[in-house]
């Protein structure tokens, strides 16, 4: 409504918000098969930079955002030491309003990543073994609520990944929730329809 943080011009020193991320996360998890149970705990460190140059981060109508990060796990986990580099960029175009809409926006997103530590070695028996790879919950993965939404969470996982999507965000003037008494606790101020198309691939190398 007012007080936009950015979106008019691209300049980290004059517009938008910059965030420097430096942190560590922990995940405790074990994996069971018919014959063995092994440890899947990970404790990666991460450093990243986000430049959000949009007018309203929660629901942007103009502007862009860029994010780059490096993650590394030094722990002696089942997968060994691993690292992962990622880059994400988004762009938003305002199509103004119409008779039945409060807002119409085209949103574009691109995400890619690569694990330099990922390697495949051949055992004496001739079997290929993957070492120093991010677990399937991290790294180059697709599937789930945010990327490749038609597939189960983290369905695809490999050394590298490329993903892109385009959304048409149509915010209606009519709010079907507003007049339902037992749903007013949701405090849903607007209702949005979002047709979208997306594509992506994971691979054991980074190329075409």
Protein backbone atom coordinates (compact mmCIF):
# COMPACT_ATOMS: atom_id res chain seq x y z
CA UNK A 1 0.00 0.00 0.00
CA UNK A 2 2.80 2.42 0.85
CA UNK A 3 6.41 2.55 1.92
CA UNK A 4 7.78 0.28 -0.81
CA UNK A 5 11.32 -0.93 -0.13
CA UNK A 6 12.42 -1.03 -3.77
CA UNK A 7 11.57 -2.03 -7.31
CA UNK A 8 12.02 1.25 -9.15
CA UNK A 9 15.72 0.85 -10.00
CA UNK A 10 18.42 -1.76 -9.47
CA UNK A 11 21.05 -0.39 -7.09
CA UNK A 12 21.89 -2.14 -3.79
CA UNK A 13 23.21 1.15 -2.37
CA UNK A 14 20.04 3.15 -3.08
CA UNK A 15 17.09 0.75 -3.34
CA UNK A 16 15.84 -2.51 -1.87
CA UNK A 17 17.15 -4.55 1.03
CA UNK A 18 20.41 -6.49 1.32
CA UNK A 19 20.75 -9.45 3.68
CA UNK A 20 24.01 -11.24 4.51
CA UNK A 21 23.49 -14.77 5.77
CA UNK A 22 26.05 -16.59 7.90
CA UNK A 23 24.89 -19.55 9.90
CA UNK A 24 24.82 -23.24 10.68
CA UNK A 25 21.93 -25.70 10.72
CA UNK A 26 21.57 -29.18 12.17
CA UNK A 27 19.40 -32.06 11.02
CA UNK A 28 19.26 -35.35 12.90
CA UNK A 29 17.95 -38.21 10.83
CA UNK A 30 18.53 -41.93 10.30
CA UNK A 31 17.75 -44.13 7.30
CA UNK A 32 16.51 -47.69 7.53
CA UNK A 33 16.57 -50.44 4.91
CA UNK A 34 15.77 -54.13 5.14
CA UNK A 35 19.36 -54.90 6.05
CA UNK A 36 20.98 -51.83 7.62
CA UNK A 37 20.29 -48.56 9.46
CA UNK A 38 22.75 -45.75 8.94
CA UNK A 39 23.26 -42.24 10.22
CA UNK A 40 22.05 -39.32 8.09
CA UNK A 41 22.82 -36.42 10.44
CA UNK A 42 24.12 -33.25 8.75
CA UNK A 43 25.52 -30.01 10.19
CA UNK A 44 26.21 -27.68 7.25
CA UNK A 45 27.58 -24.14 7.49
CA UNK A 46 26.25 -21.58 5.03
CA UNK A 47 27.16 -18.12 3.80
CA UNK A 48 24.91 -16.22 1.42
CA UNK A 49 23.82 -12.84 0.11
CA UNK A 50 20.27 -11.78 -0.77
CA UNK A 51 19.37 -8.57 -2.58
CA UNK A 52 15.60 -8.05 -2.53
CA UNK A 53 14.67 -5.10 -4.72
CA UNK A 54 10.89 -5.52 -4.80
CA UNK A 55 8.11 -3.19 -3.73
CA UNK A 56 6.54 -5.66 -1.26
CA UNK A 57 8.49 -8.85 -0.44
CA UNK A 58 5.43 -10.80 0.71
CA UNK A 59 3.62 -10.35 -2.62
CA UNK A 60 5.79 -8.39 -5.10
CA UNK A 61 4.34 -6.57 -8.09
CA UNK A 62 7.55 -5.00 -9.50
CA UNK A 63 11.28 -5.37 -9.08
CA UNK A 64 13.58 -8.34 -8.71
CA UNK A 65 15.60 -10.37 -6.22
CA UNK A 66 18.89 -12.25 -6.40
CA UNK A 67 20.37 -14.79 -4.00
CA UNK A 68 23.74 -16.54 -4.02
CA UNK A 69 24.99 -18.93 -1.35
CA UNK A 70 27.63 -21.52 -0.51
CA UNK A 71 26.97 -24.40 1.88
CA UNK A 72 29.50 -26.87 3.30
CA UNK A 73 29.27 -29.74 5.77
CA UNK A 74 32.53 -30.60 7.54
CA UNK A 75 30.98 -33.38 9.63
CA UNK A 76 31.93 -37.04 9.25
CA UNK A 77 28.48 -38.06 8.05
CA UNK A 78 27.48 -41.09 6.01
CA UNK A 79 27.76 -39.05 2.82
CA UNK A 80 31.16 -37.56 3.76
CA UNK A 81 32.14 -33.89 3.58
CA UNK A 82 30.11 -32.08 0.96
CA UNK A 83 29.44 -28.60 -0.40
CA UNK A 84 26.90 -26.90 -2.65
CA UNK A 85 26.75 -23.59 -4.55
CA UNK A 86 23.42 -22.08 -5.59
CA UNK A 87 22.11 -19.03 -7.42
CA UNK A 88 18.51 -17.84 -7.60
CA UNK A 89 16.97 -14.88 -9.44
CA UNK A 90 13.38 -13.62 -9.66
CA UNK A 91 11.71 -10.86 -11.69
CA UNK A 92 8.21 -9.35 -11.39
CA UNK A 93 6.11 -7.44 -13.94
CA UNK A 94 3.01 -5.47 -12.95
CA UNK A 95 0.10 -5.75 -15.43
CA UNK A 96 -2.01 -3.27 -13.43
CA UNK A 97 -5.65 -4.07 -12.65
CA UNK A 98 -8.86 -5.00 -14.44
CA UNK A 99 -12.56 -5.04 -13.72
CA UNK A 100 -12.36 -8.11 -11.48
CA UNK A 101 -8.77 -7.93 -10.20
CA UNK A 102 -6.94 -5.96 -7.54
CA UNK A 103 -3.58 -6.89 -9.02
CA UNK A 104 -2.15 -8.89 -11.94
CA UNK A 105 1.53 -9.85 -11.91
CA UNK A 106 3.80 -12.03 -14.02
CA UNK A 107 6.50 -13.62 -11.83
CA UNK A 108 9.59 -15.33 -13.26
CA UNK A 109 12.08 -17.41 -11.30
CA UNK A 110 15.35 -19.19 -12.10
CA UNK A 111 17.38 -21.41 -9.76
CA UNK A 112 20.54 -23.40 -10.34
CA UNK A 113 23.10 -25.19 -8.20
CA UNK A 114 26.15 -27.43 -8.30
CA UNK A 115 28.06 -29.60 -5.82
CA UNK A 116 31.86 -29.42 -6.46
CA UNK A 117 32.55 -32.14 -3.87
CA UNK A 118 30.26 -34.71 -5.54
CA UNK A 119 32.30 -37.55 -7.02
CA UNK A 120 31.78 -41.06 -8.35
CA UNK A 121 34.48 -43.66 -7.64
CA UNK A 122 34.71 -47.23 -8.88
CA UNK A 123 35.12 -49.91 -6.22
CA UNK A 124 37.35 -52.98 -6.76
CA UNK A 125 34.26 -55.03 -7.62
CA UNK A 126 33.43 -52.61 -10.43
CA UNK A 127 30.52 -50.95 -8.66
CA UNK A 128 30.22 -47.15 -8.90
CA UNK A 129 29.95 -45.42 -5.50
CA UNK A 130 28.94 -41.79 -4.97
CA UNK A 131 30.97 -39.95 -2.33
CA UNK A 132 30.89 -36.49 -0.74
CA UNK A 133 27.41 -35.71 -2.03
CA UNK A 134 24.77 -33.57 -0.33
CA UNK A 135 21.98 -35.65 1.22
CA UNK A 136 18.77 -35.82 -0.77
CA UNK A 137 17.24 -33.16 1.53
CA UNK A 138 19.93 -30.66 0.47
CA UNK A 139 21.81 -29.73 -2.67
CA UNK A 140 20.57 -30.25 -6.23
CA UNK A 141 17.04 -31.48 -5.68
CA UNK A 142 13.65 -31.03 -7.34
CA UNK A 143 10.12 -31.96 -6.38
CA UNK A 144 7.76 -30.73 -3.71
CA UNK A 145 5.91 -27.59 -2.70
CA UNK A 146 8.36 -25.04 -4.11
CA UNK A 147 10.04 -26.54 -7.20
CA UNK A 148 8.49 -29.06 -9.62
CA UNK A 149 5.22 -29.10 -7.71
CA UNK A 150 3.83 -32.06 -9.68
CA UNK A 151 6.29 -34.45 -8.01
CA UNK A 152 6.87 -35.71 -4.43
CA UNK A 153 9.22 -33.73 -2.20
CA UNK A 154 12.90 -34.15 -3.20
CA UNK A 155 11.93 -36.72 -5.83
CA UNK A 156 14.99 -35.90 -8.01
CA UNK A 157 18.53 -35.45 -6.67
CA UNK A 158 21.96 -35.33 -8.31
CA UNK A 159 25.18 -33.29 -8.60
CA UNK A 160 23.70 -30.28 -10.46
CA UNK A 161 20.31 -28.70 -11.09
CA UNK A 162 18.58 -26.11 -13.26
CA UNK A 163 15.00 -24.97 -12.64
CA UNK A 164 12.77 -22.20 -13.98
CA UNK A 165 9.13 -21.18 -13.65
CA UNK A 166 6.65 -18.53 -14.79
CA UNK A 167 3.53 -17.60 -12.80
CA UNK A 168 0.53 -15.41 -13.59
CA UNK A 169 -0.67 -14.10 -10.21
CA UNK A 170 -4.26 -12.88 -10.39
CA UNK A 171 -5.46 -11.24 -7.16
CA UNK A 172 -9.26 -11.07 -7.24
CA UNK A 173 -11.40 -8.22 -5.93
CA UNK A 174 -13.84 -10.87 -4.72
CA UNK A 175 -12.71 -12.68 -1.58
CA UNK A 176 -14.71 -15.93 -1.14
CA UNK A 177 -13.40 -16.36 2.42
CA UNK A 178 -14.37 -12.91 3.74
CA UNK A 179 -18.06 -13.74 4.29
CA UNK A 180 -17.60 -17.18 5.84
CA UNK A 181 -17.95 -16.59 9.57
CA UNK A 182 -16.07 -19.64 10.83
CA UNK A 183 -13.07 -18.80 8.59
CA UNK A 184 -12.69 -15.14 9.55
CA UNK A 185 -10.02 -16.08 12.09
CA UNK A 186 -7.72 -16.64 9.11
CA UNK A 187 -7.75 -12.87 8.45
CA UNK A 188 -7.32 -13.54 4.74
CA UNK A 189 -7.15 -10.07 3.16
CA UNK A 190 -7.00 -11.22 -0.45
CA UNK A 191 -7.50 -14.28 -2.61
CA UNK A 192 -5.13 -15.12 -5.47
CA UNK A 193 -5.34 -17.48 -8.45
CA UNK A 194 -1.97 -18.60 -9.86
CA UNK A 195 -1.68 -20.62 -13.06
CA UNK A 196 1.95 -21.52 -13.65
CA UNK A 197 4.37 -23.49 -15.80
CA UNK A 198 7.72 -24.84 -14.67
CA UNK A 199 10.56 -27.04 -15.83
CA UNK A 200 13.77 -28.39 -14.41
CA UNK A 201 16.37 -31.12 -14.47
CA UNK A 202 19.00 -32.66 -12.24
CA UNK A 203 22.10 -34.26 -13.76
CA UNK A 204 25.46 -35.77 -12.86
CA UNK A 205 27.22 -32.95 -14.74
CA UNK A 206 26.61 -29.27 -15.40
CA UNK A 207 25.95 -28.64 -19.09
CA UNK A 208 23.34 -28.86 -21.82
